[in-house]
N, C-alpha and C. Protein backbone atom coordinates (compact mmCIF):
# COMPACT_ATOMS: atom_id res chain seq x y z
N ASP A 1 -1.27 -7.22 30.30
CA ASP A 1 -1.34 -8.37 29.43
C ASP A 1 -0.01 -8.59 28.72
N LYS A 2 0.25 -9.82 28.44
CA LYS A 2 1.46 -10.13 27.70
C LYS A 2 1.11 -10.33 26.23
N LEU A 3 2.10 -10.15 25.40
CA LEU A 3 1.91 -10.27 23.97
C LEU A 3 2.01 -11.74 23.56
N THR A 4 0.89 -12.28 23.13
CA THR A 4 0.86 -13.63 22.60
C THR A 4 0.56 -13.53 21.10
N LEU A 5 0.57 -14.65 20.44
CA LEU A 5 0.26 -14.65 19.01
C LEU A 5 -1.16 -14.14 18.77
N ARG A 6 -2.08 -14.55 19.64
CA ARG A 6 -3.47 -14.10 19.50
C ARG A 6 -3.60 -12.60 19.73
N THR A 7 -2.98 -12.08 20.78
CA THR A 7 -3.09 -10.64 21.03
C THR A 7 -2.38 -9.82 19.95
N PHE A 8 -1.31 -10.38 19.38
CA PHE A 8 -0.64 -9.70 18.27
C PHE A 8 -1.59 -9.55 17.09
N PHE A 9 -2.26 -10.66 16.71
CA PHE A 9 -3.18 -10.60 15.57
C PHE A 9 -4.37 -9.68 15.87
N GLU A 10 -4.87 -9.72 17.09
CA GLU A 10 -5.98 -8.83 17.45
C GLU A 10 -5.55 -7.37 17.33
N LEU A 11 -4.38 -7.06 17.84
CA LEU A 11 -3.87 -5.69 17.76
C LEU A 11 -3.63 -5.28 16.31
N PHE A 12 -3.05 -6.18 15.53
CA PHE A 12 -2.79 -5.90 14.12
C PHE A 12 -4.09 -5.62 13.38
N PHE A 13 -5.08 -6.51 13.53
CA PHE A 13 -6.34 -6.35 12.81
C PHE A 13 -7.13 -5.14 13.28
N GLU A 14 -7.10 -4.85 14.57
CA GLU A 14 -7.78 -3.65 15.08
C GLU A 14 -7.16 -2.39 14.53
N THR A 15 -5.84 -2.37 14.42
CA THR A 15 -5.14 -1.21 13.87
C THR A 15 -5.50 -1.01 12.41
N VAL A 16 -5.47 -2.08 11.63
CA VAL A 16 -5.82 -1.99 10.21
C VAL A 16 -7.27 -1.55 10.06
N TRP A 17 -8.16 -2.13 10.85
CA TRP A 17 -9.59 -1.79 10.78
C TRP A 17 -9.81 -0.31 11.07
N SER A 18 -9.20 0.20 12.13
CA SER A 18 -9.42 1.61 12.49
C SER A 18 -8.83 2.55 11.45
N LEU A 19 -7.68 2.20 10.89
CA LEU A 19 -7.12 3.03 9.81
C LEU A 19 -8.04 3.03 8.60
N MET A 20 -8.56 1.87 8.25
CA MET A 20 -9.44 1.77 7.09
C MET A 20 -10.73 2.56 7.31
N GLU A 21 -11.29 2.48 8.51
CA GLU A 21 -12.52 3.24 8.80
C GLU A 21 -12.29 4.73 8.64
N GLY A 22 -11.13 5.19 9.08
CA GLY A 22 -10.82 6.61 8.96
C GLY A 22 -10.62 7.06 7.52
N ILE A 23 -10.12 6.17 6.67
CA ILE A 23 -9.83 6.53 5.29
C ILE A 23 -10.98 6.19 4.35
N MET A 24 -11.60 5.03 4.54
CA MET A 24 -12.58 4.53 3.58
C MET A 24 -14.02 4.53 4.08
N GLY A 25 -14.24 4.72 5.37
CA GLY A 25 -15.59 4.63 5.92
C GLY A 25 -15.90 3.21 6.38
N ALA A 26 -16.90 3.10 7.25
CA ALA A 26 -17.21 1.80 7.87
C ALA A 26 -17.71 0.78 6.85
N ARG A 27 -18.60 1.20 5.93
CA ARG A 27 -19.17 0.26 4.96
C ARG A 27 -18.09 -0.32 4.05
N ASN A 28 -17.22 0.54 3.54
CA ASN A 28 -16.16 0.09 2.65
C ASN A 28 -15.10 -0.73 3.39
N THR A 29 -14.91 -0.44 4.65
CA THR A 29 -13.95 -1.20 5.45
C THR A 29 -14.35 -2.67 5.51
N ARG A 30 -15.64 -2.91 5.73
CA ARG A 30 -16.11 -4.31 5.77
C ARG A 30 -15.84 -5.03 4.45
N SER A 31 -15.96 -4.32 3.35
CA SER A 31 -15.76 -4.95 2.04
C SER A 31 -14.30 -5.22 1.71
N PHE A 32 -13.42 -4.30 2.08
CA PHE A 32 -12.03 -4.39 1.63
C PHE A 32 -11.04 -4.78 2.73
N PHE A 33 -11.52 -5.02 3.94
CA PHE A 33 -10.64 -5.41 5.03
C PHE A 33 -9.86 -6.68 4.73
N PRO A 34 -10.49 -7.74 4.18
CA PRO A 34 -9.70 -8.96 3.91
C PRO A 34 -8.52 -8.71 2.96
N LEU A 35 -8.74 -7.91 1.94
CA LEU A 35 -7.67 -7.63 0.98
C LEU A 35 -6.53 -6.84 1.62
N ILE A 36 -6.86 -5.75 2.27
CA ILE A 36 -5.83 -4.88 2.87
C ILE A 36 -5.12 -5.60 4.01
N ALA A 37 -5.86 -6.29 4.86
CA ALA A 37 -5.23 -6.99 5.99
C ALA A 37 -4.31 -8.11 5.51
N THR A 38 -4.72 -8.81 4.45
CA THR A 38 -3.87 -9.87 3.90
C THR A 38 -2.58 -9.30 3.34
N CYS A 39 -2.69 -8.23 2.55
CA CYS A 39 -1.48 -7.58 2.03
C CYS A 39 -0.59 -7.13 3.18
N GLY A 40 -1.17 -6.54 4.20
CA GLY A 40 -0.40 -6.08 5.35
C GLY A 40 0.31 -7.21 6.06
N LEU A 41 -0.39 -8.32 6.29
CA LEU A 41 0.23 -9.46 6.97
C LEU A 41 1.35 -10.08 6.13
N VAL A 42 1.11 -10.24 4.85
CA VAL A 42 2.14 -10.83 3.98
C VAL A 42 3.39 -9.97 4.00
N ILE A 43 3.22 -8.67 3.80
CA ILE A 43 4.37 -7.77 3.77
C ILE A 43 5.06 -7.74 5.13
N PHE A 44 4.28 -7.63 6.19
CA PHE A 44 4.85 -7.56 7.54
C PHE A 44 5.70 -8.79 7.85
N PHE A 45 5.15 -9.99 7.63
CA PHE A 45 5.90 -11.20 7.97
C PHE A 45 7.06 -11.45 7.01
N CYS A 46 6.89 -11.12 5.75
CA CYS A 46 8.02 -11.27 4.81
C CYS A 46 9.16 -10.33 5.20
N ASN A 47 8.81 -9.11 5.58
CA ASN A 47 9.83 -8.15 5.98
C ASN A 47 10.53 -8.58 7.27
N TRP A 48 9.75 -9.02 8.25
CA TRP A 48 10.34 -9.42 9.53
C TRP A 48 11.17 -10.69 9.41
N LEU A 49 10.86 -11.53 8.44
CA LEU A 49 11.65 -12.74 8.22
C LEU A 49 13.09 -12.37 7.87
N ALA A 50 13.26 -11.23 7.23
CA ALA A 50 14.60 -10.79 6.84
C ALA A 50 15.46 -10.40 8.04
N LEU A 51 14.84 -10.20 9.19
CA LEU A 51 15.61 -9.85 10.38
C LEU A 51 16.35 -11.06 10.95
N VAL A 52 15.99 -12.25 10.49
CA VAL A 52 16.71 -13.46 10.89
C VAL A 52 17.96 -13.54 10.02
N PRO A 53 19.13 -13.56 10.63
CA PRO A 53 20.36 -13.59 9.83
C PRO A 53 20.37 -14.74 8.83
N GLY A 54 20.72 -14.40 7.60
CA GLY A 54 20.78 -15.38 6.52
C GLY A 54 19.50 -15.51 5.72
N MET A 55 18.40 -14.92 6.19
CA MET A 55 17.13 -15.01 5.48
C MET A 55 16.95 -13.77 4.61
N LEU A 56 16.39 -13.96 3.45
CA LEU A 56 16.09 -12.85 2.55
C LEU A 56 14.58 -12.63 2.54
N PRO A 57 14.15 -11.37 2.54
CA PRO A 57 12.70 -11.13 2.52
C PRO A 57 12.13 -11.37 1.12
N ALA A 58 10.94 -11.95 1.07
CA ALA A 58 10.28 -12.14 -0.22
C ALA A 58 9.93 -10.79 -0.84
N THR A 59 9.80 -9.76 -0.02
CA THR A 59 9.48 -8.42 -0.52
C THR A 59 10.69 -7.76 -1.16
N GLU A 60 11.83 -8.42 -1.13
CA GLU A 60 13.01 -7.92 -1.83
C GLU A 60 12.93 -8.26 -3.31
N SER A 61 11.98 -9.09 -3.67
CA SER A 61 11.77 -9.50 -5.06
C SER A 61 10.66 -8.65 -5.68
N LEU A 62 10.86 -8.26 -6.90
CA LEU A 62 9.85 -7.47 -7.60
C LEU A 62 8.60 -8.30 -7.90
N ASN A 63 8.74 -9.61 -8.00
CA ASN A 63 7.61 -10.48 -8.36
C ASN A 63 6.46 -10.37 -7.37
N LEU A 64 6.72 -10.59 -6.10
CA LEU A 64 5.67 -10.53 -5.08
C LEU A 64 5.09 -9.13 -4.99
N ASN A 65 5.95 -8.13 -4.96
CA ASN A 65 5.49 -6.75 -4.80
C ASN A 65 4.63 -6.30 -5.98
N LEU A 66 5.06 -6.63 -7.19
CA LEU A 66 4.29 -6.25 -8.37
C LEU A 66 2.96 -7.00 -8.43
N ALA A 67 2.97 -8.25 -8.01
CA ALA A 67 1.71 -9.02 -7.98
C ALA A 67 0.72 -8.37 -7.02
N MET A 68 1.18 -7.99 -5.83
CA MET A 68 0.27 -7.32 -4.89
C MET A 68 -0.15 -5.95 -5.42
N GLY A 69 0.77 -5.23 -6.03
CA GLY A 69 0.43 -3.93 -6.61
C GLY A 69 -0.60 -4.06 -7.72
N MET A 70 -0.50 -5.12 -8.53
CA MET A 70 -1.46 -5.34 -9.61
C MET A 70 -2.84 -5.72 -9.05
N VAL A 71 -2.86 -6.47 -7.97
CA VAL A 71 -4.14 -6.80 -7.34
C VAL A 71 -4.83 -5.53 -6.86
N ILE A 72 -4.07 -4.63 -6.26
CA ILE A 72 -4.63 -3.35 -5.81
C ILE A 72 -5.08 -2.53 -7.01
N PHE A 73 -4.28 -2.50 -8.08
CA PHE A 73 -4.62 -1.75 -9.29
C PHE A 73 -5.93 -2.25 -9.90
N ILE A 74 -6.03 -3.57 -10.06
CA ILE A 74 -7.24 -4.16 -10.65
C ILE A 74 -8.44 -3.90 -9.75
N THR A 75 -8.27 -4.09 -8.45
CA THR A 75 -9.36 -3.84 -7.51
C THR A 75 -9.82 -2.39 -7.59
N THR A 76 -8.87 -1.47 -7.64
CA THR A 76 -9.20 -0.05 -7.70
C THR A 76 -10.07 0.25 -8.91
N HIS A 77 -9.70 -0.26 -10.05
CA HIS A 77 -10.44 0.08 -11.27
C HIS A 77 -11.74 -0.71 -11.41
N VAL A 78 -11.78 -1.93 -10.95
CA VAL A 78 -13.04 -2.68 -10.96
C VAL A 78 -14.04 -2.00 -10.03
N VAL A 79 -13.59 -1.61 -8.85
CA VAL A 79 -14.46 -0.93 -7.90
C VAL A 79 -14.87 0.44 -8.45
N GLY A 80 -13.94 1.14 -9.08
CA GLY A 80 -14.26 2.45 -9.64
C GLY A 80 -15.32 2.37 -10.72
N VAL A 81 -15.21 1.38 -11.60
CA VAL A 81 -16.21 1.21 -12.66
C VAL A 81 -17.52 0.71 -12.08
N LYS A 82 -17.45 -0.18 -11.11
CA LYS A 82 -18.66 -0.71 -10.48
C LYS A 82 -19.42 0.40 -9.74
N THR A 83 -18.69 1.29 -9.10
CA THR A 83 -19.31 2.36 -8.32
C THR A 83 -19.76 3.52 -9.20
N ASN A 84 -18.91 3.92 -10.14
CA ASN A 84 -19.15 5.14 -10.91
C ASN A 84 -19.47 4.92 -12.38
N GLY A 85 -19.43 3.68 -12.84
CA GLY A 85 -19.68 3.42 -14.25
C GLY A 85 -18.62 4.09 -15.12
N ILE A 86 -19.06 4.61 -16.25
CA ILE A 86 -18.13 5.28 -17.17
C ILE A 86 -17.56 6.56 -16.54
N GLY A 87 -18.22 7.06 -15.49
CA GLY A 87 -17.73 8.24 -14.78
C GLY A 87 -16.34 8.05 -14.19
N HIS A 88 -15.98 6.79 -13.96
CA HIS A 88 -14.64 6.51 -13.44
C HIS A 88 -13.58 6.97 -14.43
N PHE A 89 -13.85 6.76 -15.72
CA PHE A 89 -12.88 7.15 -16.75
C PHE A 89 -13.06 8.60 -17.19
N THR A 90 -14.30 9.09 -17.21
CA THR A 90 -14.50 10.49 -17.60
C THR A 90 -13.92 11.42 -16.54
N HIS A 91 -13.90 10.96 -15.31
CA HIS A 91 -13.27 11.76 -14.25
C HIS A 91 -11.78 11.94 -14.53
N MET A 92 -11.16 10.93 -15.12
CA MET A 92 -9.74 11.04 -15.47
C MET A 92 -9.53 12.08 -16.56
N ALA A 93 -10.50 12.22 -17.45
CA ALA A 93 -10.37 13.16 -18.56
C ALA A 93 -10.72 14.58 -18.17
N ASN A 94 -11.60 14.74 -17.19
CA ASN A 94 -12.06 16.08 -16.84
C ASN A 94 -12.28 16.18 -15.33
N PRO A 95 -11.22 16.15 -14.54
CA PRO A 95 -11.41 16.21 -13.10
C PRO A 95 -11.88 17.58 -12.61
N ILE A 96 -11.75 18.60 -13.44
CA ILE A 96 -12.14 19.94 -13.03
C ILE A 96 -13.66 20.07 -12.99
N GLY A 97 -14.35 19.47 -13.96
CA GLY A 97 -15.81 19.49 -13.97
C GLY A 97 -16.41 20.75 -14.54
N THR A 98 -15.65 21.53 -15.27
CA THR A 98 -16.17 22.75 -15.89
C THR A 98 -16.17 22.59 -17.40
N TRP A 99 -16.86 23.50 -18.08
CA TRP A 99 -16.94 23.42 -19.55
C TRP A 99 -15.58 23.62 -20.19
N TRP A 100 -14.76 24.50 -19.65
CA TRP A 100 -13.45 24.73 -20.26
C TRP A 100 -12.47 23.61 -19.93
N GLY A 101 -12.81 22.79 -18.94
CA GLY A 101 -11.98 21.64 -18.61
C GLY A 101 -11.94 20.63 -19.74
N TRP A 102 -13.00 20.62 -20.56
CA TRP A 102 -13.05 19.69 -21.70
C TRP A 102 -12.01 20.03 -22.75
N LEU A 103 -11.53 21.27 -22.77
CA LEU A 103 -10.47 21.63 -23.71
C LEU A 103 -9.17 20.87 -23.40
N PHE A 104 -8.97 20.64 -22.13
CA PHE A 104 -7.75 19.95 -21.69
C PHE A 104 -7.97 18.45 -21.47
N ALA A 105 -9.17 17.98 -21.77
CA ALA A 105 -9.53 16.58 -21.48
C ALA A 105 -8.56 15.56 -22.09
N PRO A 106 -8.17 15.68 -23.37
CA PRO A 106 -7.26 14.65 -23.90
C PRO A 106 -5.91 14.61 -23.17
N VAL A 107 -5.37 15.77 -22.87
CA VAL A 107 -4.08 15.83 -22.18
C VAL A 107 -4.23 15.30 -20.75
N MET A 108 -5.30 15.72 -20.07
CA MET A 108 -5.52 15.28 -18.69
C MET A 108 -5.74 13.77 -18.63
N PHE A 109 -6.45 13.24 -19.63
CA PHE A 109 -6.71 11.80 -19.64
C PHE A 109 -5.40 11.02 -19.75
N VAL A 110 -4.52 11.45 -20.63
CA VAL A 110 -3.23 10.77 -20.80
C VAL A 110 -2.40 10.86 -19.52
N ILE A 111 -2.38 12.04 -18.90
CA ILE A 111 -1.62 12.22 -17.66
C ILE A 111 -2.18 11.33 -16.55
N GLU A 112 -3.51 11.31 -16.41
CA GLU A 112 -4.15 10.49 -15.37
C GLU A 112 -3.94 9.00 -15.65
N LEU A 113 -3.99 8.62 -16.93
CA LEU A 113 -3.79 7.22 -17.29
C LEU A 113 -2.37 6.77 -16.91
N ILE A 114 -1.40 7.60 -17.22
CA ILE A 114 -0.01 7.29 -16.84
C ILE A 114 0.10 7.20 -15.32
N SER A 115 -0.54 8.13 -14.63
CA SER A 115 -0.52 8.13 -13.17
C SER A 115 -1.10 6.84 -12.60
N HIS A 116 -2.23 6.40 -13.16
CA HIS A 116 -2.87 5.18 -12.65
C HIS A 116 -2.04 3.93 -12.97
N PHE A 117 -1.43 3.88 -14.15
CA PHE A 117 -0.60 2.72 -14.48
C PHE A 117 0.71 2.71 -13.70
N ALA A 118 1.15 3.85 -13.23
CA ALA A 118 2.39 3.92 -12.45
C ALA A 118 2.18 3.47 -11.00
N ARG A 119 0.94 3.45 -10.54
CA ARG A 119 0.68 3.10 -9.14
C ARG A 119 1.17 1.71 -8.75
N PRO A 120 0.86 0.65 -9.50
CA PRO A 120 1.37 -0.66 -9.06
C PRO A 120 2.89 -0.73 -9.08
N ALA A 121 3.50 -0.10 -10.08
CA ALA A 121 4.97 -0.09 -10.14
C ALA A 121 5.53 0.71 -8.97
N SER A 122 4.88 1.80 -8.64
CA SER A 122 5.31 2.62 -7.51
C SER A 122 5.22 1.85 -6.20
N LEU A 123 4.10 1.17 -5.98
CA LEU A 123 3.96 0.36 -4.77
C LEU A 123 5.04 -0.72 -4.71
N ALA A 124 5.27 -1.40 -5.83
CA ALA A 124 6.22 -2.50 -5.87
C ALA A 124 7.66 -2.03 -5.70
N LEU A 125 8.03 -1.00 -6.45
CA LEU A 125 9.42 -0.53 -6.41
C LEU A 125 9.76 0.12 -5.08
N ARG A 126 8.81 0.85 -4.50
CA ARG A 126 9.05 1.49 -3.20
C ARG A 126 9.33 0.43 -2.14
N LEU A 127 8.48 -0.58 -2.10
CA LEU A 127 8.65 -1.64 -1.11
C LEU A 127 9.95 -2.41 -1.35
N MET A 128 10.21 -2.78 -2.60
CA MET A 128 11.42 -3.54 -2.91
C MET A 128 12.68 -2.75 -2.58
N GLY A 129 12.73 -1.51 -3.00
CA GLY A 129 13.91 -0.68 -2.76
C GLY A 129 14.19 -0.48 -1.29
N ASN A 130 13.16 -0.20 -0.53
CA ASN A 130 13.35 0.00 0.91
C ASN A 130 13.78 -1.27 1.62
N MET A 131 13.25 -2.40 1.19
CA MET A 131 13.63 -3.65 1.85
C MET A 131 15.04 -4.08 1.45
N ILE A 132 15.42 -3.85 0.21
CA ILE A 132 16.81 -4.16 -0.19
C ILE A 132 17.77 -3.29 0.60
N GLY A 133 17.47 -2.00 0.69
CA GLY A 133 18.32 -1.08 1.44
C GLY A 133 18.42 -1.45 2.90
N ASP A 134 17.28 -1.76 3.52
CA ASP A 134 17.27 -2.13 4.93
C ASP A 134 18.06 -3.41 5.15
N HIS A 135 17.88 -4.39 4.28
CA HIS A 135 18.58 -5.67 4.43
C HIS A 135 20.09 -5.50 4.26
N LYS A 136 20.48 -4.68 3.31
CA LYS A 136 21.92 -4.45 3.08
C LYS A 136 22.56 -3.75 4.28
N VAL A 137 21.91 -2.71 4.77
CA VAL A 137 22.45 -1.99 5.93
C VAL A 137 22.55 -2.91 7.14
N LEU A 138 21.49 -3.66 7.38
CA LEU A 138 21.49 -4.57 8.52
C LEU A 138 22.57 -5.64 8.39
N SER A 139 22.74 -6.21 7.21
CA SER A 139 23.77 -7.26 7.05
C SER A 139 25.17 -6.69 7.17
N ILE A 140 25.39 -5.47 6.72
CA ILE A 140 26.71 -4.84 6.86
C ILE A 140 27.05 -4.64 8.33
N PHE A 141 26.09 -4.10 9.10
CA PHE A 141 26.36 -3.85 10.51
C PHE A 141 26.48 -5.14 11.30
N LEU A 142 25.74 -6.16 10.92
CA LEU A 142 25.89 -7.45 11.61
C LEU A 142 27.26 -8.06 11.33
N ALA A 143 27.76 -7.87 10.12
CA ALA A 143 29.07 -8.43 9.77
C ALA A 143 30.22 -7.66 10.42
N LEU A 144 30.03 -6.37 10.67
CA LEU A 144 31.10 -5.53 11.19
C LEU A 144 31.17 -5.46 12.72
N THR A 145 30.11 -5.84 13.39
CA THR A 145 30.07 -5.63 14.83
C THR A 145 29.88 -6.94 15.58
N PHE A 146 30.00 -6.81 16.90
CA PHE A 146 29.79 -7.96 17.76
C PHE A 146 28.28 -8.19 17.96
N LEU A 147 27.94 -9.12 18.83
CA LEU A 147 26.54 -9.50 19.01
C LEU A 147 25.67 -8.39 19.62
N ILE A 148 26.15 -7.62 20.56
CA ILE A 148 25.30 -6.64 21.25
C ILE A 148 25.23 -5.32 20.48
N VAL A 149 26.27 -4.95 19.79
CA VAL A 149 26.31 -3.67 19.09
C VAL A 149 25.22 -3.53 18.03
N PRO A 150 24.84 -4.58 17.29
CA PRO A 150 23.82 -4.40 16.24
C PRO A 150 22.38 -4.27 16.74
N ILE A 151 22.16 -4.35 18.05
CA ILE A 151 20.79 -4.27 18.56
C ILE A 151 20.08 -2.99 18.12
N PRO A 152 20.71 -1.81 18.18
CA PRO A 152 19.99 -0.62 17.68
C PRO A 152 19.63 -0.72 16.19
N PHE A 153 20.47 -1.37 15.42
CA PHE A 153 20.18 -1.52 13.99
C PHE A 153 19.07 -2.54 13.76
N MET A 154 19.00 -3.55 14.61
CA MET A 154 17.89 -4.51 14.52
C MET A 154 16.57 -3.82 14.86
N VAL A 155 16.58 -2.97 15.88
CA VAL A 155 15.37 -2.22 16.24
C VAL A 155 14.97 -1.30 15.10
N LEU A 156 15.94 -0.64 14.50
CA LEU A 156 15.66 0.21 13.34
C LEU A 156 15.11 -0.62 12.18
N GLY A 157 15.67 -1.80 11.97
CA GLY A 157 15.18 -2.70 10.94
C GLY A 157 13.74 -3.13 11.18
N MET A 158 13.39 -3.40 12.45
CA MET A 158 12.01 -3.75 12.80
C MET A 158 11.07 -2.60 12.48
N LEU A 159 11.52 -1.40 12.78
CA LEU A 159 10.71 -0.22 12.50
C LEU A 159 10.50 -0.05 10.99
N VAL A 160 11.57 -0.20 10.21
CA VAL A 160 11.47 -0.08 8.75
C VAL A 160 10.52 -1.14 8.19
N CYS A 161 10.63 -2.37 8.68
CA CYS A 161 9.76 -3.45 8.21
C CYS A 161 8.29 -3.15 8.47
N THR A 162 8.01 -2.64 9.65
CA THR A 162 6.63 -2.32 10.02
C THR A 162 6.11 -1.13 9.22
N VAL A 163 6.92 -0.10 9.08
CA VAL A 163 6.50 1.10 8.35
C VAL A 163 6.24 0.77 6.88
N GLN A 164 7.04 -0.08 6.27
CA GLN A 164 6.84 -0.42 4.87
C GLN A 164 5.52 -1.16 4.65
N ALA A 165 5.16 -2.03 5.57
CA ALA A 165 3.86 -2.70 5.47
C ALA A 165 2.73 -1.68 5.63
N ALA A 166 2.90 -0.75 6.55
CA ALA A 166 1.87 0.28 6.77
C ALA A 166 1.73 1.20 5.56
N VAL A 167 2.83 1.59 4.95
CA VAL A 167 2.79 2.48 3.78
C VAL A 167 2.07 1.82 2.62
N PHE A 168 2.39 0.56 2.35
CA PHE A 168 1.73 -0.16 1.26
C PHE A 168 0.22 -0.21 1.51
N CYS A 169 -0.16 -0.54 2.72
CA CYS A 169 -1.59 -0.65 3.06
C CYS A 169 -2.28 0.71 2.99
N LEU A 170 -1.65 1.74 3.52
CA LEU A 170 -2.25 3.07 3.49
C LEU A 170 -2.45 3.57 2.06
N LEU A 171 -1.45 3.39 1.22
CA LEU A 171 -1.59 3.81 -0.18
C LEU A 171 -2.68 3.00 -0.88
N SER A 172 -2.76 1.72 -0.60
CA SER A 172 -3.81 0.89 -1.18
C SER A 172 -5.19 1.36 -0.75
N MET A 173 -5.33 1.70 0.53
CA MET A 173 -6.60 2.22 1.03
C MET A 173 -6.97 3.52 0.34
N VAL A 174 -6.00 4.39 0.17
CA VAL A 174 -6.25 5.69 -0.47
C VAL A 174 -6.66 5.47 -1.93
N TYR A 175 -5.96 4.62 -2.66
CA TYR A 175 -6.29 4.38 -4.06
C TYR A 175 -7.71 3.82 -4.21
N ILE A 176 -8.05 2.84 -3.40
CA ILE A 176 -9.39 2.25 -3.47
C ILE A 176 -10.43 3.26 -3.01
N GLY A 177 -10.12 3.99 -1.94
CA GLY A 177 -11.04 5.01 -1.45
C GLY A 177 -11.32 6.10 -2.48
N LEU A 178 -10.30 6.51 -3.21
CA LEU A 178 -10.49 7.52 -4.26
C LEU A 178 -11.39 6.98 -5.37
N ALA A 179 -11.22 5.72 -5.73
CA ALA A 179 -12.07 5.13 -6.77
C ALA A 179 -13.52 5.05 -6.32
N LEU A 180 -13.74 4.84 -5.03
CA LEU A 180 -15.09 4.75 -4.50
C LEU A 180 -15.79 6.10 -4.42
N GLU A 181 -15.02 7.17 -4.28
CA GLU A 181 -15.61 8.48 -4.02
C GLU A 181 -15.56 9.44 -5.19
N GLU A 182 -15.08 9.04 -6.34
CA GLU A 182 -14.96 9.97 -7.46
C GLU A 182 -16.29 10.60 -7.83
N GLN A 183 -17.35 9.80 -7.94
CA GLN A 183 -18.65 10.30 -8.36
C GLN A 183 -19.18 11.30 -7.36
N HIS A 184 -19.05 11.01 -6.08
CA HIS A 184 -19.56 11.91 -5.04
C HIS A 184 -18.82 13.23 -5.06
N HIS A 185 -17.53 13.20 -5.36
CA HIS A 185 -16.74 14.42 -5.42
C HIS A 185 -17.23 15.30 -6.57
N ASP A 186 -17.52 14.70 -7.74
CA ASP A 186 -17.99 15.47 -8.87
C ASP A 186 -19.36 16.06 -8.61
N GLU A 187 -20.24 15.33 -7.89
CA GLU A 187 -21.56 15.84 -7.60
C GLU A 187 -21.52 17.03 -6.67
N ALA A 188 -20.50 17.12 -5.82
CA ALA A 188 -20.38 18.24 -4.89
C ALA A 188 -20.06 19.53 -5.60
N HIS A 189 -19.43 19.45 -6.79
CA HIS A 189 -19.11 20.65 -7.53
C HIS A 189 -20.37 21.13 -8.17
């Protein structure tokens, strides 16, 4: 078969679906597939647009990346509260689940709170930094070399663009998956 626009989208969506099933389970995949697949497509196409000489990727801007990171952050906590109720927040204060864990609860809560608030910034800054770096390297080599010499750098740029979309999606799946499973993890102890 040849790669057409339709087969590309089918392959893309099948890959995202299978990754999500492995991380989040089949039931949760059906619920969160539109969100994760949309983020993946936006990042993927914005990143690949930068491979066209003279074009800048939208993911090089903190605005788009932070907006997507905040959507994931809000989704994670809404789902966590919806699934686990107040247990979503008590888990942050006492992830150990033992009586002596309550002694460290205030400190653990502050650490976990900082960790959760850092997630959208981490998603945004990681994507932005990698895309700025990739774009700068690619533009330098395109300016310094002839037409055929930059082909290996273009291939490397394609790989970086694809990997960055995958990393954002995988981290988003993990964050949402953790919010969905906190209560079950505590019950196992």
